[in-house]
Amino acid sequence: MLIFPLINDTSRKIIHIDMDAFFAA
């Protein structure tokens, strides 16, 4: 998964939430 090095905490948290939901599903 490609993630920009300048990604901010908010976007990072959103990505983690999406990934958690994806794996939970």
PDB file of N, CA and C in Angstrom:
ATOM      1  N   MET A   1       0.847  -1.195   0.000  1.00  0.00           N
ATOM      2  CA  MET A   1       0.000   0.000   0.000  1.00  0.00           C
ATOM      3  C   MET A   1       0.881   1.243   0.000  1.00  0.00           C
ATOM      4  N   LEU A   2       0.613   2.154  -0.932  1.00  0.00           N
ATOM      5  CA  LEU A   2       1.432   3.360  -1.033  1.00  0.00           C
ATOM      6  C   LEU A   2       0.906   4.456  -0.126  1.00  0.00           C
ATOM      7  N   ILE A   3       1.801   4.984   0.697  1.00  0.00           N
ATOM      8  CA  ILE A   3       1.412   6.091   1.577  1.00  0.00           C
ATOM      9  C   ILE A   3       2.418   7.223   1.420  1.00  0.00           C
ATOM     10  N   PHE A   4       1.916   8.443   1.157  1.00  0.00           N
ATOM     11  CA  PHE A   4       2.816   9.580   0.986  1.00  0.00           C
ATOM     12  C   PHE A   4       3.561   9.852   2.289  1.00  0.00           C
ATOM     13  N   PRO A   5       4.852  10.189   2.224  1.00  0.00           N
ATOM     14  CA  PRO A   5       5.660  10.447   3.418  1.00  0.00           C
ATOM     15  C   PRO A   5       5.193  11.682   4.183  1.00  0.00           C
ATOM     16  N   LEU A   6       4.446  12.565   3.496  1.00  0.00           N
ATOM     17  CA  LEU A   6       3.997  13.799   4.155  1.00  0.00           C
ATOM     18  C   LEU A   6       2.561  13.691   4.649  1.00  0.00           C
ATOM     19  N   ILE A   7       2.082  12.449   4.762  1.00  0.00           N
ATOM     20  CA  ILE A   7       0.701  12.256   5.230  1.00  0.00           C
ATOM     21  C   ILE A   7       0.593  12.738   6.675  1.00  0.00           C
ATOM     22  N   ASN A   8      -0.557  13.355   7.004  1.00  0.00           N
ATOM     23  CA  ASN A   8      -0.693  13.888   8.365  1.00  0.00           C
ATOM     24  C   ASN A   8      -1.350  12.864   9.286  1.00  0.00           C
ATOM     25  N   ASP A   9      -1.331  13.144  10.594  1.00  0.00           N
ATOM     26  CA  ASP A   9      -1.879  12.199  11.582  1.00  0.00           C
ATOM     27  C   ASP A   9      -3.342  11.885  11.324  1.00  0.00           C
ATOM     28  N   THR A  10      -4.115  12.901  10.963  1.00  0.00           N
ATOM     29  CA  THR A  10      -5.547  12.683  10.747  1.00  0.00           C
ATOM     30  C   THR A  10      -5.774  11.674   9.641  1.00  0.00           C
ATOM     31  N   SER A  11      -5.121  11.876   8.505  1.00  0.00           N
ATOM     32  CA  SER A  11      -5.296  10.956   7.378  1.00  0.00           C
ATOM     33  C   SER A  11      -4.796   9.574   7.762  1.00  0.00           C
ATOM     34  N   ARG A  12      -3.688   9.526   8.499  1.00  0.00           N
ATOM     35  CA  ARG A  12      -3.131   8.234   8.909  1.00  0.00           C
ATOM     36  C   ARG A  12      -4.128   7.487   9.787  1.00  0.00           C
ATOM     37  N   LYS A  13      -4.749   8.202  10.728  1.00  0.00           N
ATOM     38  CA  LYS A  13      -5.733   7.569  11.610  1.00  0.00           C
ATOM     39  C   LYS A  13      -6.907   7.054  10.796  1.00  0.00           C
ATOM     40  N   ILE A  14      -7.357   7.859   9.810  1.00  0.00           N
ATOM     41  CA  ILE A  14      -8.487   7.446   8.972  1.00  0.00           C
ATOM     42  C   ILE A  14      -8.122   6.176   8.213  1.00  0.00           C
ATOM     43  N   ILE A  15      -6.896   6.117   7.688  1.00  0.00           N
ATOM     44  CA  ILE A  15      -6.454   4.935   6.943  1.00  0.00           C
ATOM     45  C   ILE A  15      -6.464   3.717   7.863  1.00  0.00           C
ATOM     46  N   HIS A  16      -5.951   3.873   9.093  1.00  0.00           N
ATOM     47  CA  HIS A  16      -5.915   2.752  10.030  1.00  0.00           C
ATOM     48  C   HIS A  16      -7.327   2.284  10.350  1.00  0.00           C
ATOM     49  N   ILE A  17      -8.250   3.231  10.521  1.00  0.00           N
ATOM     50  CA  ILE A  17      -9.637   2.868  10.825  1.00  0.00           C
ATOM     51  C   ILE A  17     -10.216   2.079   9.657  1.00  0.00           C
ATOM     52  N   ASP A  18      -9.959   2.549   8.417  1.00  0.00           N
ATOM     53  CA  ASP A  18     -10.474   1.850   7.238  1.00  0.00           C
ATOM     54  C   ASP A  18      -9.882   0.451   7.148  1.00  0.00           C
ATOM     55  N   MET A  19      -8.583   0.318   7.416  1.00  0.00           N
ATOM     56  CA  MET A  19      -7.929  -0.983   7.341  1.00  0.00           C
ATOM     57  C   MET A  19      -8.502  -1.906   8.408  1.00  0.00           C
ATOM     58  N   ASP A  20      -8.714  -1.385   9.630  1.00  0.00           N
ATOM     59  CA  ASP A  20      -9.276  -2.204  10.710  1.00  0.00           C
ATOM     60  C   ASP A  20     -10.666  -2.691  10.321  1.00  0.00           C
ATOM     61  N   ALA A  21     -11.476  -1.805   9.747  1.00  0.00           N
ATOM     62  CA  ALA A  21     -12.828  -2.175   9.346  1.00  0.00           C
ATOM     63  C   ALA A  21     -12.766  -3.224   8.236  1.00  0.00           C
ATOM     64  N   PHE A  22     -11.812  -3.069   7.326  1.00  0.00           N
ATOM     65  CA  PHE A  22     -11.674  -4.003   6.209  1.00  0.00           C
ATOM     66  C   PHE A  22     -11.326  -5.400   6.724  1.00  0.00           C
ATOM     67  N   PHE A  23     -10.346  -5.481   7.630  1.00  0.00           N
ATOM     68  CA  PHE A  23      -9.936  -6.782   8.153  1.00  0.00           C
ATOM     69  C   PHE A  23     -11.017  -7.368   9.060  1.00  0.00           C
ATOM     70  N   ALA A  24     -11.731  -6.505   9.787  1.00  0.00           N
ATOM     71  CA  ALA A  24     -12.790  -6.979  10.677  1.00  0.00           C
ATOM     72  C   ALA A  24     -13.926  -7.582   9.847  1.00  0.00           C
ATOM     73  N   ALA A  25     -14.156  -6.990   8.680  1.00  0.00           N
ATOM     74  CA  ALA A  25     -15.217  -7.490   7.805  1.00  0.00           C
ATOM     75  C   ALA A  25     -14.731  -8.770   7.128  1.00  0.00           C
TER      76      ALA A  25
END
